[in-house]
Amino acid sequence: MEAGKFASCMVIYFIFNLIAKPAIVTIPVFNLQRGFLIFGVTRIIFVAIAFLIANSVNADAGWAIALFPLAASVASFILTLCVFSEVRMD
């Protein structure tokens, strides 16, 4: 039963990764590697903050696993918006 809950939480993460793929592919073409590095650091920070929030409210593993894809999805969405806005300005 728990595995199904965890898998349903991870669906959000997989959907946003699928949406971000075209943005990630265009990064080398438009020479946006610096921005991708910033994205990687930002994503790590978002995920770490999500785990710290889950730890600070004494949440169980289910909440921590639910916050992980939420934080990673927000980072992927921001990456997609930033890349497409940068490409649109060129």
Protein backbone atom coordinates (compact mmCIF):
# COMPACT_ATOMS: atom_id res chain seq x y z
CA MET A 1 0.00 0.00 0.00
CA GLU A 2 2.78 2.45 0.87
CA ALA A 3 4.61 1.81 -2.39
CA GLY A 4 1.55 2.93 -4.35
CA LYS A 5 1.41 6.20 -2.41
CA PHE A 6 5.11 6.82 -3.00
CA ALA A 7 4.79 6.04 -6.70
CA SER A 8 1.82 8.38 -7.08
CA CYS A 9 3.86 11.18 -5.47
CA MET A 10 6.74 10.55 -7.86
CA VAL A 11 4.44 10.92 -10.90
CA ILE A 12 4.55 14.70 -10.46
CA TYR A 13 8.33 14.61 -10.59
CA PHE A 14 8.36 12.47 -13.74
CA ILE A 15 5.82 14.68 -15.52
CA PHE A 16 7.78 17.85 -14.84
CA ASN A 17 11.01 16.14 -15.94
CA LEU A 18 9.28 15.15 -19.17
CA ILE A 19 8.12 18.72 -19.69
CA ALA A 20 11.62 20.07 -18.97
CA LYS A 21 13.38 17.78 -21.49
CA PRO A 22 13.01 20.18 -24.48
CA ALA A 23 14.43 22.98 -22.34
CA ILE A 24 17.36 20.83 -21.23
CA VAL A 25 18.14 19.82 -24.82
CA THR A 26 18.32 23.46 -25.93
CA ILE A 27 20.81 24.45 -23.22
CA PRO A 28 23.99 23.60 -25.19
CA VAL A 29 22.56 25.01 -28.41
CA PHE A 30 22.01 28.45 -26.90
CA ASN A 31 25.11 28.32 -24.67
CA LEU A 32 23.16 28.39 -21.40
CA GLN A 33 25.41 26.03 -19.42
CA ARG A 34 25.97 28.62 -16.69
CA GLY A 35 22.23 28.80 -16.12
CA PHE A 36 22.02 25.01 -16.01
CA LEU A 37 24.69 24.97 -13.31
CA ILE A 38 22.68 27.49 -11.32
CA PHE A 39 19.62 25.28 -11.84
CA GLY A 40 21.46 22.25 -10.48
CA VAL A 41 22.52 24.11 -7.35
CA THR A 42 19.04 25.59 -6.91
CA ARG A 43 17.42 22.19 -7.29
CA ILE A 44 19.69 20.72 -4.62
CA ILE A 45 18.83 23.62 -2.31
CA PHE A 46 15.06 23.21 -2.94
CA VAL A 47 15.21 19.48 -2.22
CA ALA A 48 17.34 20.00 0.89
CA ILE A 49 14.89 22.61 2.18
CA ALA A 50 12.00 20.22 1.52
CA PHE A 51 13.70 17.50 3.56
CA LEU A 52 14.55 19.98 6.32
CA ILE A 53 10.92 21.11 6.46
CA ALA A 54 9.77 17.49 6.70
CA ASN A 55 12.30 16.89 9.46
CA SER A 56 11.43 20.05 11.39
CA VAL A 57 7.72 19.22 11.57
CA ASN A 58 8.53 15.61 12.54
CA ALA A 59 6.76 14.30 9.45
CA ASP A 60 6.87 10.66 8.54
CA ALA A 61 8.65 9.25 5.50
CA GLY A 62 5.53 9.66 3.38
CA TRP A 63 5.56 13.42 3.80
CA ALA A 64 9.26 13.63 3.06
CA ILE A 65 8.81 11.61 -0.09
CA ALA A 66 5.83 13.79 -1.07
CA LEU A 67 7.84 16.99 -0.59
CA PHE A 68 10.78 15.76 -2.68
CA PRO A 69 8.95 15.63 -6.04
CA LEU A 70 7.19 18.88 -5.24
CA ALA A 71 10.48 20.70 -4.68
CA ALA A 72 12.16 19.08 -7.69
CA SER A 73 9.13 19.86 -9.88
CA VAL A 74 9.19 23.53 -8.89
CA ALA A 75 12.87 23.67 -9.83
CA SER A 76 12.20 21.97 -13.19
CA PHE A 77 9.34 24.36 -13.91
CA ILE A 78 11.55 27.35 -13.14
CA LEU A 79 14.27 25.93 -15.41
CA THR A 80 11.78 25.50 -18.24
CA LEU A 81 10.49 29.05 -17.88
CA CYS A 82 13.99 30.52 -17.69
CA VAL A 83 15.31 28.62 -20.72
CA PHE A 84 12.31 29.38 -22.89
CA SER A 85 12.32 33.05 -21.91
CA GLU A 86 16.05 33.26 -22.70
CA VAL A 87 15.58 31.54 -26.06
CA ARG A 88 12.65 33.78 -26.90
CA MET A 89 14.77 36.88 -26.30
CA ASP A 90 17.42 35.74 -28.82
